[in-house]
Amino acid sequence: MLSRNGNRPLVAAVTGRIGSGKSTVSALLAGMGVPVLDLDAVGRALQQRPEIAAGIARAFGPEVVCDGVVDRAALAARCFADRAALRRLEALLHPLIWREAEGWIARQEGVCVVEASALRDRPHLVDVVVGVQAARPLRRRRVAARGGRAAEYFDAIDRLQRPPKADVVIDNNDGMDRLRQEVARLHGRLLRRARRHADRLSGPG
């Protein structure tokens, strides 16, 4: 997979458990000019497609789809209560999500980031896994402050999430000033690695 200039971009995946701050890290990188794709948002958009909604209804029953629209609250409740149900949903959506991501990555240059909450394995498209970490009590407080379904299901979500081993760890326990410093260092590191990556791909001659 090559970008427009003929070189495959360096792909970093930003991941971490619920409330760790991966979206904040991704937003900081985006502010530094790095293109970011939110894979959770891609998954939500896919669920709006009629053919995907029909597949979800077949896999989970008609009660999770109303008038052709996925009831995301009902689907979430099912998946958070049943690991096997979550695996079925991932088997249905993840190949489609990564197909969308592959097309997006092909349009990028230099460094790009995919943000993913459910990156248990390391997809072949990913060169660097960035793991955002924070203590569980702090993560719980952050999610509670946001409200919504995630706060209600914090324990279930946290139990089910198993991020892959990270190449780079971002500690997000000490506030925004410290996080900005860590992300700035990460940005520099990714740019340096991207230059080496491009040099290897271009090769001699």
N, C-alpha and C. Protein backbone atom coordinates (compact mmCIF):
# COMPACT_ATOMS: atom_id res chain seq x y z
N MET A 1 0.85 -1.18 0.00
CA MET A 1 0.00 0.00 0.00
C MET A 1 0.89 1.23 0.00
N LEU A 2 0.77 2.06 -1.03
CA LEU A 2 1.62 3.23 -1.17
C LEU A 2 0.78 4.49 -1.08
N SER A 3 1.39 5.55 -0.57
CA SER A 3 0.70 6.83 -0.53
C SER A 3 0.87 7.52 -1.88
N ARG A 4 0.36 8.74 -1.96
CA ARG A 4 0.35 9.43 -3.24
C ARG A 4 1.75 9.68 -3.78
N ASN A 5 2.72 9.84 -2.90
CA ASN A 5 4.07 10.11 -3.37
C ASN A 5 4.87 8.84 -3.62
N GLY A 6 4.19 7.68 -3.54
CA GLY A 6 4.84 6.42 -3.83
C GLY A 6 5.44 5.73 -2.64
N ASN A 7 5.44 6.39 -1.48
CA ASN A 7 5.98 5.79 -0.27
C ASN A 7 4.86 5.47 0.70
N ARG A 8 4.95 4.32 1.33
CA ARG A 8 3.96 3.95 2.33
C ARG A 8 4.19 4.82 3.57
N PRO A 9 3.15 5.46 4.11
CA PRO A 9 3.35 6.27 5.32
C PRO A 9 3.65 5.40 6.53
N LEU A 10 4.26 6.00 7.53
CA LEU A 10 4.42 5.34 8.82
C LEU A 10 3.09 5.43 9.56
N VAL A 11 2.58 4.29 9.99
CA VAL A 11 1.27 4.24 10.64
C VAL A 11 1.46 3.95 12.12
N ALA A 12 1.02 4.88 12.95
CA ALA A 12 1.04 4.69 14.40
C ALA A 12 -0.38 4.47 14.89
N ALA A 13 -0.57 3.47 15.72
CA ALA A 13 -1.87 3.22 16.35
C ALA A 13 -1.82 3.72 17.78
N VAL A 14 -2.72 4.63 18.13
CA VAL A 14 -2.84 5.12 19.50
C VAL A 14 -3.96 4.35 20.17
N THR A 15 -3.63 3.63 21.23
CA THR A 15 -4.62 2.79 21.88
C THR A 15 -4.45 2.88 23.40
N GLY A 16 -5.36 2.27 24.10
CA GLY A 16 -5.32 2.30 25.56
C GLY A 16 -6.68 1.96 26.12
N ARG A 17 -6.71 1.71 27.40
CA ARG A 17 -7.98 1.36 28.04
C ARG A 17 -8.91 2.56 28.15
N ILE A 18 -10.16 2.29 28.45
CA ILE A 18 -11.15 3.33 28.60
C ILE A 18 -10.70 4.36 29.64
N GLY A 19 -10.81 5.65 29.26
CA GLY A 19 -10.43 6.73 30.16
C GLY A 19 -8.94 7.02 30.23
N SER A 20 -8.14 6.33 29.43
CA SER A 20 -6.69 6.53 29.49
C SER A 20 -6.27 7.87 28.89
N GLY A 21 -7.06 8.38 27.95
CA GLY A 21 -6.72 9.64 27.31
C GLY A 21 -6.21 9.49 25.89
N LYS A 22 -6.52 8.37 25.25
CA LYS A 22 -6.02 8.18 23.89
C LYS A 22 -6.58 9.21 22.91
N SER A 23 -7.84 9.62 23.12
CA SER A 23 -8.41 10.65 22.24
C SER A 23 -7.71 11.98 22.44
N THR A 24 -7.31 12.29 23.67
CA THR A 24 -6.58 13.52 23.94
C THR A 24 -5.21 13.48 23.27
N VAL A 25 -4.53 12.36 23.38
CA VAL A 25 -3.23 12.20 22.71
C VAL A 25 -3.39 12.36 21.21
N SER A 26 -4.41 11.72 20.63
CA SER A 26 -4.65 11.83 19.20
C SER A 26 -4.94 13.28 18.80
N ALA A 27 -5.72 13.98 19.62
CA ALA A 27 -6.04 15.38 19.32
C ALA A 27 -4.79 16.26 19.38
N LEU A 28 -3.91 15.99 20.32
CA LEU A 28 -2.66 16.75 20.40
C LEU A 28 -1.80 16.50 19.16
N LEU A 29 -1.72 15.25 18.73
CA LEU A 29 -0.97 14.94 17.51
C LEU A 29 -1.60 15.60 16.30
N ALA A 30 -2.93 15.60 16.24
CA ALA A 30 -3.61 16.27 15.13
C ALA A 30 -3.28 17.76 15.12
N GLY A 31 -3.19 18.36 16.31
CA GLY A 31 -2.82 19.77 16.41
C GLY A 31 -1.41 20.05 15.94
N MET A 32 -0.57 19.02 15.91
CA MET A 32 0.79 19.14 15.40
C MET A 32 0.87 18.82 13.91
N GLY A 33 -0.28 18.60 13.29
CA GLY A 33 -0.32 18.37 11.85
C GLY A 33 -0.34 16.93 11.41
N VAL A 34 -0.50 16.00 12.35
CA VAL A 34 -0.54 14.58 12.00
C VAL A 34 -1.98 14.18 11.67
N PRO A 35 -2.23 13.60 10.49
CA PRO A 35 -3.58 13.13 10.18
C PRO A 35 -3.98 12.00 11.13
N VAL A 36 -5.21 12.04 11.63
CA VAL A 36 -5.70 11.05 12.59
C VAL A 36 -7.03 10.49 12.10
N LEU A 37 -7.16 9.19 12.16
CA LEU A 37 -8.42 8.51 11.85
C LEU A 37 -8.91 7.79 13.10
N ASP A 38 -10.12 8.11 13.54
CA ASP A 38 -10.73 7.48 14.71
C ASP A 38 -11.47 6.23 14.25
N LEU A 39 -10.92 5.06 14.57
CA LEU A 39 -11.52 3.81 14.10
C LEU A 39 -12.85 3.53 14.78
N ASP A 40 -13.04 4.01 16.00
CA ASP A 40 -14.35 3.85 16.64
C ASP A 40 -15.41 4.61 15.86
N ALA A 41 -15.07 5.81 15.38
CA ALA A 41 -16.01 6.58 14.58
C ALA A 41 -16.30 5.88 13.26
N VAL A 42 -15.28 5.27 12.67
CA VAL A 42 -15.49 4.49 11.45
C VAL A 42 -16.48 3.36 11.71
N GLY A 43 -16.30 2.67 12.84
CA GLY A 43 -17.20 1.58 13.19
C GLY A 43 -18.63 2.06 13.37
N ARG A 44 -18.80 3.21 14.01
CA ARG A 44 -20.16 3.75 14.19
C ARG A 44 -20.79 4.09 12.85
N ALA A 45 -20.00 4.66 11.95
CA ALA A 45 -20.53 5.00 10.62
C ALA A 45 -20.91 3.74 9.85
N LEU A 46 -20.10 2.70 9.96
CA LEU A 46 -20.42 1.45 9.26
C LEU A 46 -21.74 0.88 9.73
N GLN A 47 -22.03 1.00 11.02
CA GLN A 47 -23.27 0.44 11.55
C GLN A 47 -24.50 1.13 10.99
N GLN A 48 -24.34 2.29 10.39
CA GLN A 48 -25.47 2.99 9.79
C GLN A 48 -25.80 2.47 8.40
N ARG A 49 -24.92 1.68 7.82
CA ARG A 49 -25.19 1.13 6.50
C ARG A 49 -26.24 0.02 6.60
N PRO A 50 -27.24 0.03 5.73
CA PRO A 50 -28.31 -0.97 5.83
C PRO A 50 -27.81 -2.40 5.81
N GLU A 51 -26.82 -2.70 4.96
CA GLU A 51 -26.34 -4.07 4.87
C GLU A 51 -25.61 -4.51 6.14
N ILE A 52 -24.93 -3.57 6.79
CA ILE A 52 -24.25 -3.89 8.05
C ILE A 52 -25.28 -4.06 9.16
N ALA A 53 -26.27 -3.18 9.19
CA ALA A 53 -27.33 -3.31 10.20
C ALA A 53 -28.04 -4.65 10.05
N ALA A 54 -28.26 -5.07 8.82
CA ALA A 54 -28.92 -6.37 8.60
C ALA A 54 -28.05 -7.51 9.10
N GLY A 55 -26.74 -7.41 8.89
CA GLY A 55 -25.83 -8.44 9.39
C GLY A 55 -25.81 -8.49 10.91
N ILE A 56 -25.88 -7.32 11.54
CA ILE A 56 -25.92 -7.27 13.01
C ILE A 56 -27.22 -7.89 13.52
N ALA A 57 -28.33 -7.62 12.83
CA ALA A 57 -29.61 -8.22 13.23
C ALA A 57 -29.56 -9.73 13.13
N ARG A 58 -28.92 -10.24 12.08
CA ARG A 58 -28.81 -11.70 11.95
C ARG A 58 -27.94 -12.29 13.05
N ALA A 59 -26.88 -11.57 13.43
CA ALA A 59 -25.94 -12.10 14.42
C ALA A 59 -26.45 -11.97 15.85
N PHE A 60 -27.24 -10.93 16.12
CA PHE A 60 -27.61 -10.64 17.51
C PHE A 60 -29.12 -10.64 17.76
N GLY A 61 -29.89 -10.77 16.71
CA GLY A 61 -31.34 -10.77 16.87
C GLY A 61 -31.94 -9.43 16.51
N PRO A 62 -33.22 -9.44 16.12
CA PRO A 62 -33.86 -8.20 15.65
C PRO A 62 -34.03 -7.15 16.73
N GLU A 63 -33.89 -7.52 18.01
CA GLU A 63 -34.11 -6.55 19.08
C GLU A 63 -33.02 -5.48 19.14
N VAL A 64 -31.88 -5.71 18.48
CA VAL A 64 -30.83 -4.69 18.51
C VAL A 64 -30.89 -3.78 17.28
N VAL A 65 -31.87 -3.98 16.42
CA VAL A 65 -32.04 -3.13 15.24
C VAL A 65 -33.51 -2.71 15.18
N CYS A 66 -33.76 -1.42 15.07
CA CYS A 66 -35.12 -0.89 15.02
C CYS A 66 -35.30 -0.10 13.73
N ASP A 67 -36.22 -0.54 12.89
CA ASP A 67 -36.49 0.13 11.61
C ASP A 67 -35.21 0.29 10.78
N GLY A 68 -34.39 -0.75 10.79
CA GLY A 68 -33.17 -0.74 10.00
C GLY A 68 -32.02 0.02 10.61
N VAL A 69 -32.20 0.55 11.82
CA VAL A 69 -31.15 1.33 12.49
C VAL A 69 -30.67 0.56 13.71
N VAL A 70 -29.36 0.41 13.83
CA VAL A 70 -28.80 -0.31 14.97
C VAL A 70 -29.07 0.47 16.26
N ASP A 71 -29.63 -0.21 17.24
CA ASP A 71 -29.79 0.36 18.58
C ASP A 71 -28.47 0.15 19.31
N ARG A 72 -27.61 1.17 19.27
CA ARG A 72 -26.26 1.00 19.77
C ARG A 72 -26.24 0.75 21.28
N ALA A 73 -27.23 1.29 22.00
CA ALA A 73 -27.29 1.05 23.44
C ALA A 73 -27.59 -0.42 23.72
N ALA A 74 -28.54 -0.98 22.99
CA ALA A 74 -28.89 -2.39 23.18
C ALA A 74 -27.74 -3.29 22.76
N LEU A 75 -27.08 -2.94 21.66
CA LEU A 75 -25.96 -3.75 21.20
C LEU A 75 -24.80 -3.68 22.19
N ALA A 76 -24.54 -2.49 22.71
CA ALA A 76 -23.46 -2.34 23.69
C ALA A 76 -23.75 -3.15 24.94
N ALA A 77 -24.99 -3.09 25.42
CA ALA A 77 -25.34 -3.85 26.62
C ALA A 77 -25.11 -5.33 26.40
N ARG A 78 -25.46 -5.81 25.23
CA ARG A 78 -25.26 -7.23 24.92
C ARG A 78 -23.77 -7.58 24.91
N CYS A 79 -22.98 -6.76 24.25
CA CYS A 79 -21.55 -7.08 24.09
C CYS A 79 -20.77 -6.91 25.39
N PHE A 80 -21.14 -5.92 26.19
CA PHE A 80 -20.41 -5.71 27.44
C PHE A 80 -20.72 -6.79 28.46
N ALA A 81 -21.85 -7.46 28.29
CA ALA A 81 -22.22 -8.52 29.22
C ALA A 81 -21.74 -9.89 28.79
N ASP A 82 -21.28 -10.00 27.54
CA ASP A 82 -21.00 -11.33 26.98
C ASP A 82 -19.78 -11.22 26.07
N ARG A 83 -18.66 -11.76 26.51
CA ARG A 83 -17.43 -11.69 25.72
C ARG A 83 -17.60 -12.33 24.35
N ALA A 84 -18.35 -13.44 24.28
CA ALA A 84 -18.56 -14.10 23.00
C ALA A 84 -19.32 -13.19 22.04
N ALA A 85 -20.29 -12.44 22.56
CA ALA A 85 -21.03 -11.51 21.71
C ALA A 85 -20.11 -10.41 21.19
N LEU A 86 -19.22 -9.92 22.05
CA LEU A 86 -18.27 -8.91 21.61
C LEU A 86 -17.37 -9.45 20.51
N ARG A 87 -16.93 -10.68 20.65
CA ARG A 87 -16.08 -11.28 19.62
C ARG A 87 -16.83 -11.40 18.29
N ARG A 88 -18.12 -11.72 18.35
CA ARG A 88 -18.90 -11.81 17.11
C ARG A 88 -19.00 -10.45 16.44
N LEU A 89 -19.22 -9.42 17.25
CA LEU A 89 -19.31 -8.07 16.67
C LEU A 89 -17.97 -7.66 16.06
N GLU A 90 -16.88 -7.95 16.76
CA GLU A 90 -15.56 -7.61 16.23
C GLU A 90 -15.28 -8.37 14.94
N ALA A 91 -15.67 -9.64 14.88
CA ALA A 91 -15.44 -10.43 13.67
C ALA A 91 -16.22 -9.85 12.49
N LEU A 92 -17.37 -9.27 12.78
CA LEU A 92 -18.19 -8.68 11.73
C LEU A 92 -17.64 -7.33 11.27
N LEU A 93 -17.25 -6.49 12.24
CA LEU A 93 -16.90 -5.11 11.91
C LEU A 93 -15.42 -4.87 11.62
N HIS A 94 -14.54 -5.54 12.34
CA HIS A 94 -13.12 -5.20 12.24
C HIS A 94 -12.54 -5.32 10.83
N PRO A 95 -12.85 -6.38 10.07
CA PRO A 95 -12.33 -6.41 8.70
C PRO A 95 -12.80 -5.23 7.86
N LEU A 96 -14.04 -4.80 8.06
CA LEU A 96 -14.58 -3.66 7.31
C LEU A 96 -13.93 -2.36 7.77
N ILE A 97 -13.73 -2.24 9.08
CA ILE A 97 -13.07 -1.03 9.61
C ILE A 97 -11.67 -0.91 9.04
N TRP A 98 -10.92 -2.00 9.03
CA TRP A 98 -9.55 -1.93 8.55
C TRP A 98 -9.48 -1.76 7.03
N ARG A 99 -10.50 -2.21 6.33
CA ARG A 99 -10.56 -1.94 4.89
C ARG A 99 -10.71 -0.43 4.65
N GLU A 100 -11.60 0.20 5.43
CA GLU A 100 -11.74 1.65 5.34
C GLU A 100 -10.43 2.34 5.72
N ALA A 101 -9.81 1.86 6.78
CA ALA A 101 -8.55 2.46 7.24
C ALA A 101 -7.46 2.33 6.18
N GLU A 102 -7.42 1.20 5.52
CA GLU A 102 -6.38 0.99 4.50
C GLU A 102 -6.51 2.01 3.38
N GLY A 103 -7.75 2.28 2.94
CA GLY A 103 -7.95 3.29 1.91
C GLY A 103 -7.53 4.67 2.38
N TRP A 104 -7.85 4.99 3.64
CA TRP A 104 -7.46 6.29 4.19
C TRP A 104 -5.94 6.40 4.30
N ILE A 105 -5.29 5.36 4.80
CA ILE A 105 -3.84 5.37 4.96
C ILE A 105 -3.15 5.58 3.62
N ALA A 106 -3.69 4.98 2.57
CA ALA A 106 -3.09 5.10 1.25
C ALA A 106 -3.08 6.54 0.74
N ARG A 107 -3.92 7.38 1.30
CA ARG A 107 -3.97 8.79 0.87
C ARG A 107 -3.09 9.70 1.72
N GLN A 108 -2.39 9.12 2.71
CA GLN A 108 -1.58 9.93 3.62
C GLN A 108 -0.10 9.88 3.23
N GLU A 109 0.65 10.79 3.82
CA GLU A 109 2.10 10.85 3.59
C GLU A 109 2.81 11.04 4.92
N GLY A 110 4.05 10.58 4.99
CA GLY A 110 4.86 10.82 6.18
C GLY A 110 4.41 9.98 7.35
N VAL A 111 3.68 10.60 8.28
CA VAL A 111 3.17 9.93 9.48
C VAL A 111 1.67 10.09 9.53
N CYS A 112 0.97 9.04 9.88
CA CYS A 112 -0.45 9.16 10.17
C CYS A 112 -0.78 8.29 11.38
N VAL A 113 -1.92 8.58 12.00
CA VAL A 113 -2.32 7.91 13.23
C VAL A 113 -3.71 7.33 13.08
N VAL A 114 -3.87 6.11 13.55
CA VAL A 114 -5.21 5.55 13.74
C VAL A 114 -5.42 5.41 15.25
N GLU A 115 -6.57 5.88 15.71
CA GLU A 115 -6.92 5.77 17.13
C GLU A 115 -7.90 4.62 17.29
N ALA A 116 -7.60 3.70 18.20
CA ALA A 116 -8.43 2.51 18.33
C ALA A 116 -8.53 2.10 19.79
N SER A 117 -9.76 1.87 20.24
CA SER A 117 -9.95 1.39 21.61
C SER A 117 -9.89 -0.13 21.69
N ALA A 118 -10.12 -0.80 20.57
CA ALA A 118 -10.24 -2.27 20.58
C ALA A 118 -9.16 -2.91 19.73
N LEU A 119 -7.92 -2.49 19.94
CA LEU A 119 -6.80 -3.01 19.16
C LEU A 119 -6.10 -4.09 19.98
N ARG A 120 -6.69 -5.27 20.00
CA ARG A 120 -6.07 -6.33 20.80
C ARG A 120 -4.85 -6.91 20.11
N ASP A 121 -4.94 -7.05 18.81
CA ASP A 121 -3.82 -7.58 18.04
C ASP A 121 -3.21 -6.46 17.22
N ARG A 122 -2.03 -6.72 16.71
CA ARG A 122 -1.33 -5.69 15.93
C ARG A 122 -1.60 -5.94 14.45
N PRO A 123 -2.47 -5.15 13.81
CA PRO A 123 -2.74 -5.34 12.39
C PRO A 123 -1.49 -5.12 11.56
N HIS A 124 -1.45 -5.74 10.40
CA HIS A 124 -0.24 -5.65 9.56
C HIS A 124 -0.01 -4.23 9.06
N LEU A 125 -1.04 -3.39 9.08
CA LEU A 125 -0.89 -2.02 8.61
C LEU A 125 -0.16 -1.13 9.60
N VAL A 126 -0.07 -1.55 10.85
CA VAL A 126 0.44 -0.70 11.92
C VAL A 126 1.94 -0.92 12.12
N ASP A 127 2.70 0.18 12.11
CA ASP A 127 4.15 0.11 12.32
C ASP A 127 4.53 0.34 13.78
N VAL A 128 3.79 1.21 14.46
CA VAL A 128 4.12 1.59 15.84
C VAL A 128 2.83 1.57 16.66
N VAL A 129 2.86 0.88 17.79
CA VAL A 129 1.72 0.91 18.72
C VAL A 129 2.08 1.84 19.87
N VAL A 130 1.26 2.87 20.06
CA VAL A 130 1.43 3.83 21.15
C VAL A 130 0.37 3.53 22.20
N GLY A 131 0.81 3.11 23.37
CA GLY A 131 -0.11 2.78 24.45
C GLY A 131 -0.23 3.92 25.44
N VAL A 132 -1.44 4.43 25.63
CA VAL A 132 -1.69 5.49 26.60
C VAL A 132 -2.15 4.84 27.90
N GLN A 133 -1.48 5.18 29.00
CA GLN A 133 -1.77 4.52 30.27
C GLN A 133 -2.10 5.54 31.36
N ALA A 134 -3.01 5.14 32.24
CA ALA A 134 -3.34 5.93 33.43
C ALA A 134 -3.89 4.98 34.47
N ALA A 135 -3.78 5.36 35.73
CA ALA A 135 -4.25 4.52 36.82
C ALA A 135 -5.77 4.33 36.73
N ARG A 136 -6.23 3.16 37.14
CA ARG A 136 -7.64 2.83 37.00
C ARG A 136 -8.56 3.82 37.74
N PRO A 137 -8.27 4.21 38.98
CA PRO A 137 -9.17 5.18 39.63
C PRO A 137 -9.27 6.50 38.87
N LEU A 138 -8.16 6.94 38.31
CA LEU A 138 -8.18 8.18 37.53
C LEU A 138 -9.00 8.00 36.27
N ARG A 139 -8.83 6.86 35.62
CA ARG A 139 -9.61 6.60 34.41
C ARG A 139 -11.10 6.55 34.72
N ARG A 140 -11.45 5.94 35.83
CA ARG A 140 -12.86 5.88 36.23
C ARG A 140 -13.43 7.29 36.44
N ARG A 141 -12.66 8.15 37.11
CA ARG A 141 -13.14 9.52 37.36
C ARG A 141 -13.33 10.28 36.05
N ARG A 142 -12.40 10.10 35.13
CA ARG A 142 -12.53 10.79 33.84
C ARG A 142 -13.79 10.35 33.11
N VAL A 143 -14.03 9.05 33.08
CA VAL A 143 -15.20 8.53 32.37
C VAL A 143 -16.48 8.97 33.07
N ALA A 144 -16.49 8.97 34.40
CA ALA A 144 -17.67 9.43 35.14
C ALA A 144 -17.96 10.90 34.84
N ALA A 145 -16.91 11.70 34.70
CA ALA A 145 -17.10 13.12 34.41
C ALA A 145 -17.71 13.33 33.03
N ARG A 146 -17.42 12.42 32.09
CA ARG A 146 -18.00 12.53 30.75
C ARG A 146 -19.47 12.12 30.75
N GLY A 147 -19.84 11.21 31.65
CA GLY A 147 -21.21 10.72 31.68
C GLY A 147 -21.48 9.78 30.52
N GLY A 148 -22.76 9.49 30.27
CA GLY A 148 -23.14 8.63 29.16
C GLY A 148 -23.01 7.16 29.51
N ARG A 149 -23.20 6.32 28.48
CA ARG A 149 -23.21 4.87 28.69
C ARG A 149 -21.86 4.35 29.14
N ALA A 150 -20.78 4.98 28.68
CA ALA A 150 -19.45 4.48 29.04
C ALA A 150 -19.25 4.48 30.55
N ALA A 151 -19.78 5.50 31.24
CA ALA A 151 -19.64 5.55 32.69
C ALA A 151 -20.39 4.39 33.34
N GLU A 152 -21.57 4.08 32.82
CA GLU A 152 -22.37 2.98 33.36
C GLU A 152 -21.66 1.64 33.18
N TYR A 153 -20.98 1.49 32.05
CA TYR A 153 -20.37 0.20 31.72
C TYR A 153 -18.86 0.18 31.94
N PHE A 154 -18.33 1.12 32.73
CA PHE A 154 -16.88 1.23 32.87
C PHE A 154 -16.24 -0.11 33.23
N ASP A 155 -16.74 -0.77 34.26
CA ASP A 155 -16.11 -2.01 34.72
C ASP A 155 -16.11 -3.08 33.64
N ALA A 156 -17.25 -3.22 32.95
CA ALA A 156 -17.35 -4.23 31.91
C ALA A 156 -16.42 -3.93 30.75
N ILE A 157 -16.38 -2.66 30.34
CA ILE A 157 -15.50 -2.28 29.23
C ILE A 157 -14.05 -2.49 29.61
N ASP A 158 -13.68 -2.05 30.81
CA ASP A 158 -12.29 -2.17 31.26
C ASP A 158 -11.87 -3.63 31.33
N ARG A 159 -12.77 -4.47 31.75
CA ARG A 159 -12.45 -5.90 31.87
C ARG A 159 -12.23 -6.53 30.49
N LEU A 160 -12.99 -6.08 29.50
CA LEU A 160 -12.91 -6.68 28.17
C LEU A 160 -11.74 -6.15 27.34
N GLN A 161 -11.28 -4.95 27.63
CA GLN A 161 -10.22 -4.36 26.81
C GLN A 161 -8.86 -4.97 27.15
N ARG A 162 -8.16 -5.40 26.13
CA ARG A 162 -6.82 -5.96 26.29
C ARG A 162 -5.91 -5.35 25.23
N PRO A 163 -5.43 -4.13 25.45
CA PRO A 163 -4.58 -3.50 24.44
C PRO A 163 -3.32 -4.33 24.18
N PRO A 164 -2.79 -4.27 22.96
CA PRO A 164 -1.57 -5.01 22.65
C PRO A 164 -0.36 -4.39 23.32
N LYS A 165 0.74 -5.12 23.31
CA LYS A 165 1.98 -4.59 23.85
C LYS A 165 2.39 -3.35 23.06
N ALA A 166 2.72 -2.29 23.78
CA ALA A 166 3.03 -1.01 23.13
C ALA A 166 4.52 -0.90 22.83
N ASP A 167 4.82 -0.27 21.70
CA ASP A 167 6.20 0.09 21.38
C ASP A 167 6.61 1.36 22.12
N VAL A 168 5.65 2.24 22.31
CA VAL A 168 5.87 3.50 23.02
C VAL A 168 4.75 3.66 24.04
N VAL A 169 5.10 3.99 25.27
CA VAL A 169 4.10 4.17 26.33
C VAL A 169 4.01 5.66 26.67
N ILE A 170 2.78 6.17 26.70
CA ILE A 170 2.52 7.54 27.12
C ILE A 170 1.85 7.49 28.49
N ASP A 171 2.48 8.09 29.48
CA ASP A 171 1.92 8.13 30.83
C ASP A 171 1.01 9.35 30.95
N ASN A 172 -0.25 9.10 31.27
CA ASN A 172 -1.22 10.19 31.35
C ASN A 172 -1.83 10.27 32.75
N ASN A 173 -0.95 10.30 33.74
CA ASN A 173 -1.39 10.40 35.13
C ASN A 173 -1.21 11.79 35.74
N ASP A 174 -0.49 12.68 35.03
CA ASP A 174 0.00 13.89 35.70
C ASP A 174 -0.47 15.20 35.07
N GLY A 175 -1.60 15.21 34.39
CA GLY A 175 -2.14 16.47 33.91
C GLY A 175 -1.69 16.82 32.49
N MET A 176 -2.31 17.89 31.96
CA MET A 176 -2.13 18.23 30.55
C MET A 176 -0.74 18.75 30.23
N ASP A 177 -0.12 19.50 31.12
CA ASP A 177 1.21 20.03 30.81
C ASP A 177 2.19 18.88 30.57
N ARG A 178 2.17 17.91 31.46
CA ARG A 178 3.06 16.76 31.30
C ARG A 178 2.69 15.96 30.06
N LEU A 179 1.40 15.82 29.80
CA LEU A 179 0.98 15.05 28.62
C LEU A 179 1.43 15.74 27.34
N ARG A 180 1.31 17.05 27.28
CA ARG A 180 1.77 17.77 26.08
C ARG A 180 3.26 17.53 25.85
N GLN A 181 4.05 17.52 26.91
CA GLN A 181 5.47 17.26 26.77
C GLN A 181 5.71 15.85 26.21
N GLU A 182 4.99 14.89 26.75
CA GLU A 182 5.17 13.51 26.29
C GLU A 182 4.77 13.37 24.83
N VAL A 183 3.67 14.01 24.45
CA VAL A 183 3.20 13.90 23.07
C VAL A 183 4.15 14.63 22.12
N ALA A 184 4.73 15.74 22.56
CA ALA A 184 5.72 16.43 21.72
C ALA A 184 6.92 15.53 21.47
N ARG A 185 7.37 14.82 22.51
CA ARG A 185 8.48 13.88 22.31
C ARG A 185 8.07 12.74 21.37
N LEU A 186 6.85 12.25 21.55
CA LEU A 186 6.35 11.21 20.66
C LEU A 186 6.32 11.69 19.22
N HIS A 187 5.86 12.92 19.02
CA HIS A 187 5.78 13.47 17.67
C HIS A 187 7.16 13.49 17.01
N GLY A 188 8.15 13.98 17.75
CA GLY A 188 9.51 13.99 17.20
C GLY A 188 10.01 12.60 16.89
N ARG A 189 9.73 11.68 17.76
CA ARG A 189 10.16 10.30 17.56
C ARG A 189 9.52 9.69 16.31
N LEU A 190 8.22 9.95 16.12
CA LEU A 190 7.52 9.43 14.95
C LEU A 190 8.06 10.05 13.66
N LEU A 191 8.36 11.35 13.69
CA LEU A 191 8.90 12.00 12.49
C LEU A 191 10.26 11.41 12.13
N ARG A 192 11.10 11.18 13.13
CA ARG A 192 12.42 10.60 12.84
C ARG A 192 12.27 9.19 12.27
N ARG A 193 11.38 8.43 12.88
CA ARG A 193 11.18 7.06 12.38
C ARG A 193 10.58 7.08 10.98
N ALA A 194 9.70 8.03 10.69
CA ALA A 194 9.11 8.12 9.36
C ALA A 194 10.16 8.41 8.30
N ARG A 195 11.14 9.25 8.65
CA ARG A 195 12.21 9.54 7.69
C ARG A 195 13.02 8.29 7.39
N ARG A 196 13.34 7.52 8.44
CA ARG A 196 14.07 6.26 8.22
C ARG A 196 13.22 5.29 7.42
N HIS A 197 11.94 5.26 7.73
CA HIS A 197 10.98 4.40 7.04
C HIS A 197 10.96 4.72 5.54
N ALA A 198 10.88 6.02 5.21
CA ALA A 198 10.85 6.44 3.82
C ALA A 198 12.16 6.12 3.12
N ASP A 199 13.28 6.28 3.81
CA ASP A 199 14.58 5.97 3.21
C ASP A 199 14.68 4.49 2.87
N ARG A 200 14.17 3.64 3.75
CA ARG A 200 14.22 2.20 3.47
C ARG A 200 13.35 1.85 2.27
N LEU A 201 12.18 2.49 2.18
CA LEU A 201 11.28 2.17 1.08
C LEU A 201 11.81 2.66 -0.25
N SER A 202 12.48 3.84 -0.24
CA SER A 202 13.00 4.37 -1.50
C SER A 202 14.19 3.56 -1.98
N GLY A 203 15.03 3.13 -1.04
CA GLY A 203 16.16 2.27 -1.38
C GLY A 203 17.17 2.95 -2.29
N PRO A 204 18.22 2.22 -2.65
CA PRO A 204 19.24 2.79 -3.53
C PRO A 204 18.73 2.88 -4.96
N GLY A 205 19.23 3.84 -5.64
CA GLY A 205 18.92 3.96 -7.06
C GLY A 205 17.53 4.43 -7.30
